[in-house]
Amino acid sequence: MQKLGWGLTVIGFIAILSGVLYPLDVMDKPTFFTLLVGGACIMFVGSMIRSFSSLKK
């Protein structure tokens, strides 16, 4: 469960970091906001899974 939580957190972090491409005109504004919001939600879910698995022990 811990590995799944960390994996989701890393995926969310990568999605947020890929938003750096927006100022370089690689993507448009809706894609940028989707990456930011989606990455934040995925990181939140990953942290909740990690918290739940540590409470379960």
C-alpha atoms as a PDB file:
ATOM      1  CA  MET A   1       0.000   0.000   0.000  1.00  0.00           C
ATOM      2  CA  GLN A   2       2.884   2.360   0.797  1.00  0.00           C
ATOM      3  CA  LYS A   3       4.459   1.800  -2.620  1.00  0.00           C
ATOM      4  CA  LEU A   4       1.152   2.541  -4.355  1.00  0.00           C
ATOM      5  CA  GLY A   5       0.800   5.778  -2.392  1.00  0.00           C
ATOM      6  CA  TRP A   6       4.338   6.875  -3.218  1.00  0.00           C
ATOM      7  CA  GLY A   7       3.837   5.930  -6.871  1.00  0.00           C
ATOM      8  CA  LEU A   8       0.709   8.059  -7.142  1.00  0.00           C
ATOM      9  CA  THR A   9       2.453  10.939  -5.415  1.00  0.00           C
ATOM     10  CA  VAL A  10       5.358  10.787  -7.858  1.00  0.00           C
ATOM     11  CA  ILE A  11       3.002  10.624 -10.857  1.00  0.00           C
ATOM     12  CA  GLY A  12       1.139  13.691  -9.573  1.00  0.00           C
ATOM     13  CA  PHE A  13       4.413  15.527  -8.999  1.00  0.00           C
ATOM     14  CA  ILE A  14       5.528  14.787 -12.561  1.00  0.00           C
ATOM     15  CA  ALA A  15       2.190  16.041 -13.891  1.00  0.00           C
ATOM     16  CA  ILE A  16       2.583  19.294 -11.977  1.00  0.00           C
ATOM     17  CA  LEU A  17       6.186  19.700 -13.091  1.00  0.00           C
ATOM     18  CA  SER A  18       5.191  19.212 -16.714  1.00  0.00           C
ATOM     19  CA  GLY A  19       3.235  22.457 -16.333  1.00  0.00           C
ATOM     20  CA  VAL A  20       6.604  24.204 -16.626  1.00  0.00           C
ATOM     21  CA  LEU A  21       6.228  23.700 -20.379  1.00  0.00           C
ATOM     22  CA  TYR A  22       3.356  26.209 -20.494  1.00  0.00           C
ATOM     23  CA  PRO A  23       5.545  29.366 -20.577  1.00  0.00           C
ATOM     24  CA  LEU A  24       7.524  27.782 -23.412  1.00  0.00           C
ATOM     25  CA  ASP A  25       4.349  27.681 -25.595  1.00  0.00           C
ATOM     26  CA  VAL A  26       4.400  23.889 -25.766  1.00  0.00           C
ATOM     27  CA  MET A  27       0.825  23.529 -24.485  1.00  0.00           C
ATOM     28  CA  ASP A  28      -2.287  25.634 -24.266  1.00  0.00           C
ATOM     29  CA  LYS A  29      -3.962  26.998 -21.149  1.00  0.00           C
ATOM     30  CA  PRO A  30      -6.668  24.300 -20.655  1.00  0.00           C
ATOM     31  CA  THR A  31      -4.047  21.555 -20.797  1.00  0.00           C
ATOM     32  CA  PHE A  32      -1.926  23.467 -18.290  1.00  0.00           C
ATOM     33  CA  PHE A  33      -4.786  23.792 -15.816  1.00  0.00           C
ATOM     34  CA  THR A  34      -5.755  20.155 -16.310  1.00  0.00           C
ATOM     35  CA  LEU A  35      -2.207  19.068 -15.480  1.00  0.00           C
ATOM     36  CA  LEU A  36      -2.081  21.285 -12.391  1.00  0.00           C
ATOM     37  CA  VAL A  37      -5.440  20.256 -10.980  1.00  0.00           C
ATOM     38  CA  GLY A  38      -5.072  16.601 -11.992  1.00  0.00           C
ATOM     39  CA  GLY A  39      -1.564  16.392 -10.567  1.00  0.00           C
ATOM     40  CA  ALA A  40      -2.668  17.946  -7.295  1.00  0.00           C
ATOM     41  CA  CYS A  41      -5.596  15.531  -7.013  1.00  0.00           C
ATOM     42  CA  ILE A  42      -3.395  12.526  -7.753  1.00  0.00           C
ATOM     43  CA  MET A  43      -0.850  13.684  -5.168  1.00  0.00           C
ATOM     44  CA  PHE A  44      -3.662  14.110  -2.633  1.00  0.00           C
ATOM     45  CA  VAL A  45      -4.955  10.602  -3.277  1.00  0.00           C
ATOM     46  CA  GLY A  46      -1.430   9.215  -2.957  1.00  0.00           C
ATOM     47  CA  SER A  47      -0.900  10.940   0.367  1.00  0.00           C
ATOM     48  CA  MET A  48      -4.259   9.713   1.655  1.00  0.00           C
ATOM     49  CA  ILE A  49      -3.371   6.127   0.688  1.00  0.00           C
ATOM     50  CA  ARG A  50      -0.049   6.458   2.504  1.00  0.00           C
ATOM     51  CA  SER A  51      -1.780   7.884   5.587  1.00  0.00           C
ATOM     52  CA  PHE A  52      -4.409   5.155   5.561  1.00  0.00           C
ATOM     53  CA  SER A  53      -1.801   2.424   5.243  1.00  0.00           C
ATOM     54  CA  SER A  54       0.228   3.828   8.141  1.00  0.00           C
ATOM     55  CA  LEU A  55      -2.916   4.000  10.320  1.00  0.00           C
ATOM     56  CA  LYS A  56      -3.819   0.452   9.357  1.00  0.00           C
ATOM     57  CA  LYS A  57      -0.586  -0.914  10.874  1.00  0.00           C
END
